[in-house]
Amino acid sequence: MLMLVSGFSVADEMRPSVVKLTKLDDQSWSVAFRQPQINGRYPNLRLKANCTAGEITSFVNGAALQENFQLICDSDGLRTIEIEGLEKTLVDTMVTIRGSDGEEESHLISSSRPVLNVGESVPAVPVYIVLGVEHLIFGIDHVLFVLVLLYVVHGWKNLFKVITSFTVAHSVTLGLSSLELLTLAQAPVEALIGLSIVFLAAEALRGNKGYMTRAPWVVSALFGLLHGLGFAGALAEIGLPQDSVIVALLFFNIGIEVGQLLVVIVALGLVAVFGRLAGTKPSGVADSQVLTSIVRMPLYGAGTIAGYWFVERTLAIFI
C-alpha cells in the first residue's frame, strides 16, 4: 500500500519543459532550456536545431535542470527546433521565441509533434489553453479534489454553485499570484492542498453532517483560493509572454476549467454506467451494504494518498 501511495506522491509534477530563445542577431540565438524534475529525475531531453550549439552551461534551478547555450546558424537562420526524448515522457515542451524587436510568440512541442518549424503561422497564446488542460488532468491532486467533491455535493443546482465558487476563487488567487500581487511559498501551499483532500474525503465519509453539507459553496470557495495558488506555481514554472500576460493568463485559466469539466463529465458518466450495472435496488440488505462499501472505498484511497502527500510535503518544508 505504501508503494502505491508513494507512486502518487509526485502528484503535481507533470509540468512542461520550457525553452526560451532570444534572438541576438541574424545568425545567433541565446537559449535557456529548463527540464522539470519528475520522480526525482530529469527526463533527459535534448534540443536539436538546424544550427550549431555552443558550449552548454548546466545548473539546477529550483526543481528543474536548466541548460544555457547559444545557437549559431548559417545564412538561412533558425528554421527548425526538435526536442528528442519526448516520446518517453508525459512532458510537453513550451517554446517561447523572442525576436530582436522584443515581440514574443509561444508554441507547444509534444511527442506527437516533436519538430517546430520556426516562423510557421500558429496562434501564439492559445497554447496556454492546452497547458491549462494538461496541468489539471495530470495534476493528480487537483483531479482527486474534484472527484471527492462529487461525493459531497448532491444535485445539479448545488454542483453548479460549488464548481462556480471554486472556479471564481481559484481564478482570483491564480491571477493575483501570476501578476505578482500575492506571493506565497509553494511548499506549504502544496502541503495544504493535500490536507484539503483529506478534509473533503472525511466530510464525504461523515455523511450529511459536515461544513461542506451546510455551506458547500463557501467551503469550496476557500479551497478554490488555495488551489489557485497551486495553479499559479505551475504557471510560474512555465512563464507568461511579456506582451500578452492577461490574455495568456485567461487562456490558462480556461484550460483549467476545460480540464475540470472533462473530469466531472467522465466521472459522472462512469457513475451512471456503474449505477446501471449495479441496478437501482439491491436484492437485499447484504447486497446494499456491499454496494455501499464499494462506493466508499475510493474515499478511503483518496484520503490515504492525500494524507501521505500532506505529511511528505510538510516534511519537505523543514528538510
C-alpha atoms as a PDB file:
ATOM      1  CA  MET A   1       0.000   0.000   0.000  1.00  0.00           C
ATOM      2  CA  LEU A   2       2.851   2.363   0.866  1.00  0.00           C
ATOM      3  CA  MET A   3       4.447   1.732  -2.522  1.00  0.00           C
ATOM      4  CA  LEU A   4       1.138   2.566  -4.206  1.00  0.00           C
ATOM      5  CA  VAL A   5       0.802   5.792  -2.249  1.00  0.00           C
ATOM      6  CA  SER A   6       4.408   6.812  -2.872  1.00  0.00           C
ATOM      7  CA  GLY A   7       3.831   6.290  -6.560  1.00  0.00           C
ATOM      8  CA  PHE A   8       1.301   9.114  -6.416  1.00  0.00           C
ATOM      9  CA  SER A   9       3.496  11.388  -4.320  1.00  0.00           C
ATOM     10  CA  VAL A  10       4.607  13.336  -7.363  1.00  0.00           C
ATOM     11  CA  ALA A  11       1.051  14.426  -7.995  1.00  0.00           C
ATOM     12  CA  ASP A  12       1.708  17.863  -9.346  1.00  0.00           C
ATOM     13  CA  GLU A  13       4.981  17.384 -11.224  1.00  0.00           C
ATOM     14  CA  MET A  14       3.665  16.841 -14.749  1.00  0.00           C
ATOM     15  CA  ARG A  15       4.918  20.240 -15.824  1.00  0.00           C
ATOM     16  CA  PRO A  16       6.266  21.034 -19.283  1.00  0.00           C
ATOM     17  CA  SER A  17       9.861  21.616 -20.093  1.00  0.00           C
ATOM     18  CA  VAL A  18      10.485  25.189 -21.195  1.00  0.00           C
ATOM     19  CA  VAL A  19      12.689  26.548 -23.971  1.00  0.00           C
ATOM     20  CA  LYS A  20      13.277  30.294 -24.254  1.00  0.00           C
ATOM     21  CA  LEU A  21      15.053  31.525 -27.373  1.00  0.00           C
ATOM     22  CA  THR A  22      16.214  35.135 -27.640  1.00  0.00           C
ATOM     23  CA  LYS A  23      17.468  36.420 -30.970  1.00  0.00           C
ATOM     24  CA  LEU A  24      20.857  38.113 -30.649  1.00  0.00           C
ATOM     25  CA  ASP A  25      21.404  38.852 -34.338  1.00  0.00           C
ATOM     26  CA  ASP A  26      20.539  37.325 -37.726  1.00  0.00           C
ATOM     27  CA  GLN A  27      22.683  34.255 -37.123  1.00  0.00           C
ATOM     28  CA  SER A  28      22.754  33.663 -33.356  1.00  0.00           C
ATOM     29  CA  TRP A  29      20.291  32.893 -30.588  1.00  0.00           C
ATOM     30  CA  SER A  30      20.554  32.633 -26.826  1.00  0.00           C
ATOM     31  CA  VAL A  31      18.852  29.502 -25.462  1.00  0.00           C
ATOM     32  CA  ALA A  32      17.626  28.676 -21.957  1.00  0.00           C
ATOM     33  CA  PHE A  33      16.295  25.097 -21.728  1.00  0.00           C
ATOM     34  CA  ARG A  34      14.618  24.072 -18.444  1.00  0.00           C
ATOM     35  CA  GLN A  35      13.592  20.471 -17.724  1.00  0.00           C
ATOM     36  CA  PRO A  36      11.331  19.678 -14.739  1.00  0.00           C
ATOM     37  CA  GLN A  37      12.194  17.057 -12.163  1.00  0.00           C
ATOM     38  CA  ILE A  38       9.874  14.037 -12.394  1.00  0.00           C
ATOM     39  CA  ASN A  39      10.002  11.184  -9.878  1.00  0.00           C
ATOM     40  CA  GLY A  40      13.285  12.600  -8.601  1.00  0.00           C
ATOM     41  CA  ARG A  41      14.914  12.542 -12.044  1.00  0.00           C
ATOM     42  CA  TYR A  42      15.176  14.779 -15.074  1.00  0.00           C
ATOM     43  CA  PRO A  43      13.674  13.493 -18.358  1.00  0.00           C
ATOM     44  CA  ASN A  44      16.985  13.783 -20.272  1.00  0.00           C
ATOM     45  CA  LEU A  45      15.527  15.716 -23.188  1.00  0.00           C
ATOM     46  CA  ARG A  46      17.762  17.121 -25.912  1.00  0.00           C
ATOM     47  CA  LEU A  47      17.211  20.148 -28.099  1.00  0.00           C
ATOM     48  CA  LYS A  48      18.241  19.880 -31.759  1.00  0.00           C
ATOM     49  CA  ALA A  49      18.091  22.608 -34.395  1.00  0.00           C
ATOM     50  CA  ASN A  50      19.409  23.329 -37.858  1.00  0.00           C
ATOM     51  CA  CYS A  51      22.082  25.429 -36.128  1.00  0.00           C
ATOM     52  CA  THR A  52      25.273  24.618 -34.225  1.00  0.00           C
ATOM     53  CA  ALA A  53      25.023  24.586 -30.440  1.00  0.00           C
ATOM     54  CA  GLY A  54      27.774  26.254 -28.430  1.00  0.00           C
ATOM     55  CA  GLU A  55      29.133  25.280 -25.032  1.00  0.00           C
ATOM     56  CA  ILE A  56      26.368  24.262 -22.598  1.00  0.00           C
ATOM     57  CA  THR A  57      26.264  25.590 -19.051  1.00  0.00           C
ATOM     58  CA  SER A  58      24.053  23.493 -16.741  1.00  0.00           C
ATOM     59  CA  PHE A  59      22.761  24.198 -13.235  1.00  0.00           C
ATOM     60  CA  VAL A  60      19.832  23.238 -11.022  1.00  0.00           C
ATOM     61  CA  ASN A  61      17.232  25.984 -10.666  1.00  0.00           C
ATOM     62  CA  GLY A  62      14.660  25.048  -8.037  1.00  0.00           C
ATOM     63  CA  ALA A  63      13.212  21.655  -9.027  1.00  0.00           C
ATOM     64  CA  ALA A  64      14.411  21.979 -12.609  1.00  0.00           C
ATOM     65  CA  LEU A  65      17.604  21.444 -14.591  1.00  0.00           C
ATOM     66  CA  GLN A  66      18.470  24.460 -16.722  1.00  0.00           C
ATOM     67  CA  GLU A  67      20.867  24.494 -19.651  1.00  0.00           C
ATOM     68  CA  ASN A  68      22.106  27.745 -21.212  1.00  0.00           C
ATOM     69  CA  PHE A  69      23.882  27.901 -24.549  1.00  0.00           C
ATOM     70  CA  GLN A  70      23.936  29.692 -27.907  1.00  0.00           C
ATOM     71  CA  LEU A  71      22.859  28.558 -31.353  1.00  0.00           C
ATOM     72  CA  ILE A  72      24.994  29.722 -34.267  1.00  0.00           C
ATOM     73  CA  CYS A  73      23.122  29.494 -37.576  1.00  0.00           C
ATOM     74  CA  ASP A  74      24.087  29.801 -41.215  1.00  0.00           C
ATOM     75  CA  SER A  75      22.736  32.422 -43.598  1.00  0.00           C
ATOM     76  CA  ASP A  76      19.297  30.767 -43.622  1.00  0.00           C
ATOM     77  CA  GLY A  77      18.859  31.449 -39.904  1.00  0.00           C
ATOM     78  CA  LEU A  78      16.945  29.326 -37.401  1.00  0.00           C
ATOM     79  CA  ARG A  79      14.383  27.167 -39.204  1.00  0.00           C
ATOM     80  CA  THR A  80      13.597  24.083 -37.091  1.00  0.00           C
ATOM     81  CA  ILE A  81      13.654  23.061 -33.432  1.00  0.00           C
ATOM     82  CA  GLU A  82      13.269  19.464 -32.291  1.00  0.00           C
ATOM     83  CA  ILE A  83      13.037  18.015 -28.776  1.00  0.00           C
ATOM     84  CA  GLU A  84      14.364  14.464 -28.561  1.00  0.00           C
ATOM     85  CA  GLY A  85      13.067  12.157 -25.830  1.00  0.00           C
ATOM     86  CA  LEU A  86       9.507  13.476 -25.503  1.00  0.00           C
ATOM     87  CA  GLU A  87       8.083  10.139 -26.620  1.00  0.00           C
ATOM     88  CA  LYS A  88       9.398   8.564 -23.391  1.00  0.00           C
ATOM     89  CA  THR A  89       7.674  11.059 -21.084  1.00  0.00           C
ATOM     90  CA  LEU A  90       4.365  12.816 -20.452  1.00  0.00           C
ATOM     91  CA  VAL A  91       6.204  16.121 -20.696  1.00  0.00           C
ATOM     92  CA  ASP A  92       5.474  18.635 -23.439  1.00  0.00           C
ATOM     93  CA  THR A  93       7.826  21.494 -24.252  1.00  0.00           C
ATOM     94  CA  MET A  94       6.785  25.135 -24.206  1.00  0.00           C
ATOM     95  CA  VAL A  95       8.872  27.144 -26.674  1.00  0.00           C
ATOM     96  CA  THR A  96       8.982  30.935 -26.357  1.00  0.00           C
ATOM     97  CA  ILE A  97      10.693  32.793 -29.203  1.00  0.00           C
ATOM     98  CA  ARG A  98      11.699  36.410 -28.575  1.00  0.00           C
ATOM     99  CA  GLY A  99      12.650  38.331 -31.684  1.00  0.00           C
ATOM    100  CA  SER A 100      15.112  41.206 -31.962  1.00  0.00           C
ATOM    101  CA  ASP A 101      12.154  43.606 -31.873  1.00  0.00           C
ATOM    102  CA  GLY A 102      11.170  42.288 -28.412  1.00  0.00           C
ATOM    103  CA  GLU A 103       7.997  40.543 -29.574  1.00  0.00           C
ATOM    104  CA  GLU A 104       7.329  37.040 -28.262  1.00  0.00           C
ATOM    105  CA  GLU A 105       5.465  34.053 -29.650  1.00  0.00           C
ATOM    106  CA  SER A 106       4.760  30.765 -27.902  1.00  0.00           C
ATOM    107  CA  HIS A 107       4.486  27.230 -29.277  1.00  0.00           C
ATOM    108  CA  LEU A 108       3.983  23.770 -27.836  1.00  0.00           C
ATOM    109  CA  ILE A 109       6.080  20.769 -28.894  1.00  0.00           C
ATOM    110  CA  SER A 110       4.713  17.338 -27.976  1.00  0.00           C
ATOM    111  CA  SER A 111       5.658  13.707 -28.622  1.00  0.00           C
ATOM    112  CA  SER A 112       3.134  13.609 -31.475  1.00  0.00           C
ATOM    113  CA  ARG A 113       4.626  16.781 -32.954  1.00  0.00           C
ATOM    114  CA  PRO A 114       8.272  16.948 -31.814  1.00  0.00           C
ATOM    115  CA  VAL A 115       9.507  19.329 -34.529  1.00  0.00           C
ATOM    116  CA  LEU A 116       8.682  23.038 -34.664  1.00  0.00           C
ATOM    117  CA  ASN A 117       9.102  24.975 -37.884  1.00  0.00           C
ATOM    118  CA  VAL A 118      10.132  28.430 -36.731  1.00  0.00           C
ATOM    119  CA  GLY A 119       8.075  31.167 -38.338  1.00  0.00           C
ATOM    120  CA  GLU A 120       5.042  28.991 -39.084  1.00  0.00           C
ATOM    121  CA  SER A 121       1.733  30.768 -38.675  1.00  0.00           C
ATOM    122  CA  VAL A 122       0.430  29.110 -35.491  1.00  0.00           C
ATOM    123  CA  PRO A 123      -1.516  31.170 -32.921  1.00  0.00           C
ATOM    124  CA  ALA A 124       0.910  32.088 -30.169  1.00  0.00           C
ATOM    125  CA  VAL A 125      -1.083  32.414 -26.949  1.00  0.00           C
ATOM    126  CA  PRO A 126      -3.736  29.619 -27.254  1.00  0.00           C
ATOM    127  CA  VAL A 127      -1.113  27.035 -26.294  1.00  0.00           C
ATOM    128  CA  TYR A 128      -1.842  28.168 -22.739  1.00  0.00           C
ATOM    129  CA  ILE A 129      -5.283  26.558 -23.039  1.00  0.00           C
ATOM    130  CA  VAL A 130      -3.594  23.224 -23.757  1.00  0.00           C
ATOM    131  CA  LEU A 131      -1.181  23.774 -20.862  1.00  0.00           C
ATOM    132  CA  GLY A 132      -4.094  24.543 -18.535  1.00  0.00           C
ATOM    133  CA  VAL A 133      -5.931  21.374 -19.531  1.00  0.00           C
ATOM    134  CA  GLU A 134      -2.774  19.277 -19.136  1.00  0.00           C
ATOM    135  CA  HIS A 135      -1.987  20.770 -15.754  1.00  0.00           C
ATOM    136  CA  LEU A 136      -5.445  19.922 -14.426  1.00  0.00           C
ATOM    137  CA  ILE A 137      -5.556  16.422 -15.929  1.00  0.00           C
ATOM    138  CA  PHE A 138      -2.009  15.449 -14.912  1.00  0.00           C
ATOM    139  CA  GLY A 139      -2.169  17.284 -11.569  1.00  0.00           C
ATOM    140  CA  ILE A 140      -3.482  14.216  -9.753  1.00  0.00           C
ATOM    141  CA  ASP A 141      -4.124  16.115  -6.521  1.00  0.00           C
ATOM    142  CA  HIS A 142      -6.463  18.552  -8.279  1.00  0.00           C
ATOM    143  CA  VAL A 143      -8.225  15.670 -10.023  1.00  0.00           C
ATOM    144  CA  LEU A 144      -8.686  13.857  -6.697  1.00  0.00           C
ATOM    145  CA  PHE A 145     -10.129  17.006  -5.148  1.00  0.00           C
ATOM    146  CA  VAL A 146     -12.710  17.366  -7.918  1.00  0.00           C
ATOM    147  CA  LEU A 147     -13.632  13.666  -7.746  1.00  0.00           C
ATOM    148  CA  VAL A 148     -14.100  13.698  -3.972  1.00  0.00           C
ATOM    149  CA  LEU A 149     -16.125  16.890  -4.334  1.00  0.00           C
ATOM    150  CA  LEU A 150     -18.660  14.931  -6.374  1.00  0.00           C
ATOM    151  CA  TYR A 151     -19.203  12.633  -3.392  1.00  0.00           C
ATOM    152  CA  VAL A 152     -20.111  15.546  -1.126  1.00  0.00           C
ATOM    153  CA  VAL A 153     -22.309  17.648  -3.413  1.00  0.00           C
ATOM    154  CA  HIS A 154     -25.715  16.319  -4.407  1.00  0.00           C
ATOM    155  CA  GLY A 155     -27.992  17.759  -7.057  1.00  0.00           C
ATOM    156  CA  TRP A 156     -27.174  19.684 -10.216  1.00  0.00           C
ATOM    157  CA  LYS A 157     -28.026  23.033  -8.626  1.00  0.00           C
ATOM    158  CA  ASN A 158     -25.618  22.568  -5.730  1.00  0.00           C
ATOM    159  CA  LEU A 159     -22.972  21.132  -8.056  1.00  0.00           C
ATOM    160  CA  PHE A 160     -23.204  24.228 -10.261  1.00  0.00           C
ATOM    161  CA  LYS A 161     -22.862  26.538  -7.236  1.00  0.00           C
ATOM    162  CA  VAL A 162     -19.894  24.634  -5.840  1.00  0.00           C
ATOM    163  CA  ILE A 163     -17.990  24.419  -9.119  1.00  0.00           C
ATOM    164  CA  THR A 164     -18.700  28.094  -9.861  1.00  0.00           C
ATOM    165  CA  SER A 165     -17.474  29.224  -6.431  1.00  0.00           C
ATOM    166  CA  PHE A 166     -14.363  27.033  -6.752  1.00  0.00           C
ATOM    167  CA  THR A 167     -13.685  28.437 -10.225  1.00  0.00           C
ATOM    168  CA  VAL A 168     -14.119  32.086  -9.238  1.00  0.00           C
ATOM    169  CA  ALA A 169     -11.979  31.658  -6.133  1.00  0.00           C
ATOM    170  CA  HIS A 170      -9.048  29.897  -7.801  1.00  0.00           C
ATOM    171  CA  SER A 171      -9.200  32.406 -10.680  1.00  0.00           C
ATOM    172  CA  VAL A 172      -8.675  35.223  -8.165  1.00  0.00           C
ATOM    173  CA  THR A 173      -5.604  33.747  -6.474  1.00  0.00           C
ATOM    174  CA  LEU A 174      -4.208  32.451  -9.774  1.00  0.00           C
ATOM    175  CA  GLY A 175      -4.436  35.949 -11.248  1.00  0.00           C
ATOM    176  CA  LEU A 176      -3.072  37.772  -8.183  1.00  0.00           C
ATOM    177  CA  SER A 177      -0.168  35.367  -7.795  1.00  0.00           C
ATOM    178  CA  SER A 178       0.699  35.265 -11.502  1.00  0.00           C
ATOM    179  CA  LEU A 179       0.721  39.070 -11.626  1.00  0.00           C
ATOM    180  CA  GLU A 180       2.963  39.049  -8.506  1.00  0.00           C
ATOM    181  CA  LEU A 181       0.373  40.904  -6.422  1.00  0.00           C
ATOM    182  CA  LEU A 182       0.252  37.985  -3.997  1.00  0.00           C
ATOM    183  CA  THR A 183       3.322  35.887  -3.195  1.00  0.00           C
ATOM    184  CA  LEU A 184       3.375  32.738  -1.079  1.00  0.00           C
ATOM    185  CA  ALA A 185       5.894  29.907  -0.861  1.00  0.00           C
ATOM    186  CA  GLN A 186       4.771  26.886  -2.907  1.00  0.00           C
ATOM    187  CA  ALA A 187       5.835  24.188  -0.434  1.00  0.00           C
ATOM    188  CA  PRO A 188       3.233  24.983   2.272  1.00  0.00           C
ATOM    189  CA  VAL A 189       0.599  25.615  -0.401  1.00  0.00           C
ATOM    190  CA  GLU A 190       1.140  22.139  -1.883  1.00  0.00           C
ATOM    191  CA  ALA A 191       1.001  20.601   1.601  1.00  0.00           C
ATOM    192  CA  LEU A 192      -2.301  22.336   2.365  1.00  0.00           C
ATOM    193  CA  ILE A 193      -3.748  21.165  -0.967  1.00  0.00           C
ATOM    194  CA  GLY A 194      -3.119  17.604   0.206  1.00  0.00           C
ATOM    195  CA  LEU A 195      -4.788  18.425   3.531  1.00  0.00           C
ATOM    196  CA  SER A 196      -7.819  19.874   1.715  1.00  0.00           C
ATOM    197  CA  ILE A 197      -8.408  16.499   0.041  1.00  0.00           C
ATOM    198  CA  VAL A 198      -8.141  14.723   3.401  1.00  0.00           C
ATOM    199  CA  PHE A 199     -10.723  17.129   4.846  1.00  0.00           C
ATOM    200  CA  LEU A 200     -13.060  16.650   1.902  1.00  0.00           C
ATOM    201  CA  ALA A 201     -12.772  12.843   1.995  1.00  0.00           C
ATOM    202  CA  ALA A 202     -13.551  12.891   5.722  1.00  0.00           C
ATOM    203  CA  GLU A 203     -16.584  15.085   5.054  1.00  0.00           C
ATOM    204  CA  ALA A 204     -17.831  12.656   2.419  1.00  0.00           C
ATOM    205  CA  LEU A 205     -17.408   9.670   4.758  1.00  0.00           C
ATOM    206  CA  ARG A 206     -19.139  11.524   7.586  1.00  0.00           C
ATOM    207  CA  GLY A 207     -22.283  11.968   5.514  1.00  0.00           C
ATOM    208  CA  ASN A 208     -24.661  14.928   5.808  1.00  0.00           C
ATOM    209  CA  LYS A 209     -23.136  16.277   8.992  1.00  0.00           C
ATOM    210  CA  GLY A 210     -20.220  18.473   7.971  1.00  0.00           C
ATOM    211  CA  TYR A 211     -19.466  22.048   6.946  1.00  0.00           C
ATOM    212  CA  MET A 212     -19.464  21.098   3.272  1.00  0.00           C
ATOM    213  CA  THR A 213     -23.086  19.972   3.503  1.00  0.00           C
ATOM    214  CA  ARG A 214     -24.265  23.112   5.315  1.00  0.00           C
ATOM    215  CA  ALA A 215     -22.420  25.677   3.158  1.00  0.00           C
ATOM    216  CA  PRO A 216     -20.823  23.840   0.213  1.00  0.00           C
ATOM    217  CA  TRP A 217     -20.097  26.869  -1.988  1.00  0.00           C
ATOM    218  CA  VAL A 218     -18.435  28.754   0.891  1.00  0.00           C
ATOM    219  CA  VAL A 219     -16.098  25.869   1.730  1.00  0.00           C
ATOM    220  CA  SER A 220     -15.482  25.246  -1.971  1.00  0.00           C
ATOM    221  CA  ALA A 221     -14.506  28.898  -2.443  1.00  0.00           C
ATOM    222  CA  LEU A 222     -11.985  28.673   0.407  1.00  0.00           C
ATOM    223  CA  PHE A 223     -10.458  25.578  -1.150  1.00  0.00           C
ATOM    224  CA  GLY A 224     -10.502  27.321  -4.534  1.00  0.00           C
ATOM    225  CA  LEU A 225      -8.353  30.145  -3.162  1.00  0.00           C
ATOM    226  CA  LEU A 226      -5.822  27.546  -2.028  1.00  0.00           C
ATOM    227  CA  HIS A 227      -5.806  25.536  -5.252  1.00  0.00           C
ATOM    228  CA  GLY A 228      -5.438  28.739  -7.288  1.00  0.00           C
ATOM    229  CA  LEU A 229      -2.095  29.305  -5.599  1.00  0.00           C
ATOM    230  CA  GLY A 230      -1.104  25.796  -6.649  1.00  0.00           C
ATOM    231  CA  PHE A 231      -2.081  26.530 -10.254  1.00  0.00           C
ATOM    232  CA  ALA A 232      -0.046  29.731 -10.069  1.00  0.00           C
ATOM    233  CA  GLY A 233       3.051  27.792  -9.013  1.00  0.00           C
ATOM    234  CA  ALA A 234       2.835  25.668 -12.156  1.00  0.00           C
ATOM    235  CA  LEU A 235       2.265  28.730 -14.330  1.00  0.00           C
ATOM    236  CA  ALA A 236       5.283  30.443 -12.779  1.00  0.00           C
ATOM    237  CA  GLU A 237       7.405  27.485 -13.934  1.00  0.00           C
ATOM    238  CA  ILE A 238       6.112  27.932 -17.483  1.00  0.00           C
ATOM    239  CA  GLY A 239       6.211  31.724 -17.592  1.00  0.00           C
ATOM    240  CA  LEU A 240       3.942  34.255 -19.274  1.00  0.00           C
ATOM    241  CA  PRO A 241       4.614  36.155 -22.528  1.00  0.00           C
ATOM    242  CA  GLN A 242       5.557  39.728 -21.685  1.00  0.00           C
ATOM    243  CA  ASP A 243       3.380  41.292 -24.366  1.00  0.00           C
ATOM    244  CA  SER A 244       0.174  39.340 -23.568  1.00  0.00           C
ATOM    245  CA  VAL A 245       0.226  38.441 -19.886  1.00  0.00           C
ATOM    246  CA  ILE A 246      -3.501  38.937 -19.258  1.00  0.00           C
ATOM    247  CA  VAL A 247      -4.600  37.020 -22.346  1.00  0.00           C
ATOM    248  CA  ALA A 248      -2.244  34.114 -21.609  1.00  0.00           C
ATOM    249  CA  LEU A 249      -3.441  34.040 -18.000  1.00  0.00           C
ATOM    250  CA  LEU A 250      -7.047  33.982 -19.193  1.00  0.00           C
ATOM    251  CA  PHE A 251      -6.368  31.131 -21.619  1.00  0.00           C
ATOM    252  CA  PHE A 252      -4.512  29.115 -18.964  1.00  0.00           C
ATOM    253  CA  ASN A 253      -7.487  29.527 -16.643  1.00  0.00           C
ATOM    254  CA  ILE A 254      -9.885  28.493 -19.419  1.00  0.00           C
ATOM    255  CA  GLY A 255      -7.760  25.390 -19.975  1.00  0.00           C
ATOM    256  CA  ILE A 256      -8.031  24.531 -16.271  1.00  0.00           C
ATOM    257  CA  GLU A 257     -11.825  24.861 -16.456  1.00  0.00           C
ATOM    258  CA  VAL A 258     -11.990  22.675 -19.560  1.00  0.00           C
ATOM    259  CA  GLY A 259      -9.882  20.028 -17.812  1.00  0.00           C
ATOM    260  CA  GLN A 260     -12.047  20.252 -14.708  1.00  0.00           C
ATOM    261  CA  LEU A 261     -15.208  19.888 -16.796  1.00  0.00           C
ATOM    262  CA  LEU A 262     -13.769  16.826 -18.564  1.00  0.00           C
ATOM    263  CA  VAL A 263     -13.031  15.196 -15.207  1.00  0.00           C
ATOM    264  CA  VAL A 264     -16.584  15.873 -13.979  1.00  0.00           C
ATOM    265  CA  ILE A 265     -18.182  14.568 -17.200  1.00  0.00           C
ATOM    266  CA  VAL A 266     -16.107  11.374 -17.225  1.00  0.00           C
ATOM    267  CA  ALA A 267     -16.721  10.766 -13.515  1.00  0.00           C
ATOM    268  CA  LEU A 268     -20.481  11.276 -13.762  1.00  0.00           C
ATOM    269  CA  GLY A 269     -20.553   9.096 -16.869  1.00  0.00           C
ATOM    270  CA  LEU A 270     -18.813   6.272 -15.008  1.00  0.00           C
ATOM    271  CA  VAL A 271     -21.202   6.680 -12.086  1.00  0.00           C
ATOM    272  CA  ALA A 272     -24.172   6.374 -14.466  1.00  0.00           C
ATOM    273  CA  VAL A 273     -22.708   3.232 -16.040  1.00  0.00           C
ATOM    274  CA  PHE A 274     -21.946   1.714 -12.639  1.00  0.00           C
ATOM    275  CA  GLY A 275     -25.481   2.532 -11.479  1.00  0.00           C
ATOM    276  CA  ARG A 276     -26.966   0.711 -14.448  1.00  0.00           C
ATOM    277  CA  LEU A 277     -24.759  -2.327 -13.917  1.00  0.00           C
ATOM    278  CA  ALA A 278     -25.400  -2.461 -10.191  1.00  0.00           C
ATOM    279  CA  GLY A 279     -29.141  -1.891 -10.518  1.00  0.00           C
ATOM    280  CA  THR A 280     -31.088   0.820  -8.749  1.00  0.00           C
ATOM    281  CA  LYS A 281     -32.349  -1.520  -5.974  1.00  0.00           C
ATOM    282  CA  PRO A 282     -30.068  -4.153  -4.445  1.00  0.00           C
ATOM    283  CA  SER A 283     -31.723  -7.510  -3.820  1.00  0.00           C
ATOM    284  CA  GLY A 284     -31.158  -7.471  -0.076  1.00  0.00           C
ATOM    285  CA  VAL A 285     -29.558  -5.771   2.906  1.00  0.00           C
ATOM    286  CA  ALA A 286     -26.286  -7.620   2.424  1.00  0.00           C
ATOM    287  CA  ASP A 287     -26.093  -6.529  -1.203  1.00  0.00           C
ATOM    288  CA  SER A 288     -26.829  -2.948  -0.163  1.00  0.00           C
ATOM    289  CA  GLN A 289     -24.020  -2.991   2.401  1.00  0.00           C
ATOM    290  CA  VAL A 290     -21.578  -4.413  -0.116  1.00  0.00           C
ATOM    291  CA  LEU A 291     -22.538  -1.770  -2.668  1.00  0.00           C
ATOM    292  CA  THR A 292     -22.140   0.998  -0.070  1.00  0.00           C
ATOM    293  CA  SER A 293     -18.691  -0.322   0.868  1.00  0.00           C
ATOM    294  CA  ILE A 294     -17.620  -0.420  -2.764  1.00  0.00           C
ATOM    295  CA  VAL A 295     -18.817   3.145  -3.319  1.00  0.00           C
ATOM    296  CA  ARG A 296     -16.938   4.395  -0.222  1.00  0.00           C
ATOM    297  CA  MET A 297     -13.657   2.624  -0.992  1.00  0.00           C
ATOM    298  CA  PRO A 298     -12.317   5.372  -3.313  1.00  0.00           C
ATOM    299  CA  LEU A 299     -12.800   7.885  -0.491  1.00  0.00           C
ATOM    300  CA  TYR A 300     -10.521   5.898   1.821  1.00  0.00           C
ATOM    301  CA  GLY A 301      -7.997   5.608  -1.002  1.00  0.00           C
ATOM    302  CA  ALA A 302      -8.117   9.326  -1.787  1.00  0.00           C
ATOM    303  CA  GLY A 303      -7.814  10.244   1.898  1.00  0.00           C
ATOM    304  CA  THR A 304      -4.835   7.921   2.379  1.00  0.00           C
ATOM    305  CA  ILE A 305      -2.988   9.215  -0.665  1.00  0.00           C
ATOM    306  CA  ALA A 306      -3.712  12.863   0.200  1.00  0.00           C
ATOM    307  CA  GLY A 307      -2.643  12.268   3.802  1.00  0.00           C
ATOM    308  CA  TYR A 308       0.652  10.889   2.542  1.00  0.00           C
ATOM    309  CA  TRP A 309       1.083  13.978   0.345  1.00  0.00           C
ATOM    310  CA  PHE A 310       0.411  16.260   3.294  1.00  0.00           C
ATOM    311  CA  VAL A 311       2.975  14.544   5.527  1.00  0.00           C
ATOM    312  CA  GLU A 312       5.586  14.269   2.750  1.00  0.00           C
ATOM    313  CA  ARG A 313       5.172  17.870   1.619  1.00  0.00           C
ATOM    314  CA  THR A 314       5.161  19.187   5.194  1.00  0.00           C
ATOM    315  CA  LEU A 315       8.387  17.334   5.994  1.00  0.00           C
ATOM    316  CA  ALA A 316       9.915  18.718   2.779  1.00  0.00           C
ATOM    317  CA  ILE A 317       9.425  22.249   4.130  1.00  0.00           C
ATOM    318  CA  PHE A 318      11.743  21.584   7.064  1.00  0.00           C
ATOM    319  CA  ILE A 319      14.271  19.279   5.402  1.00  0.00           C
END
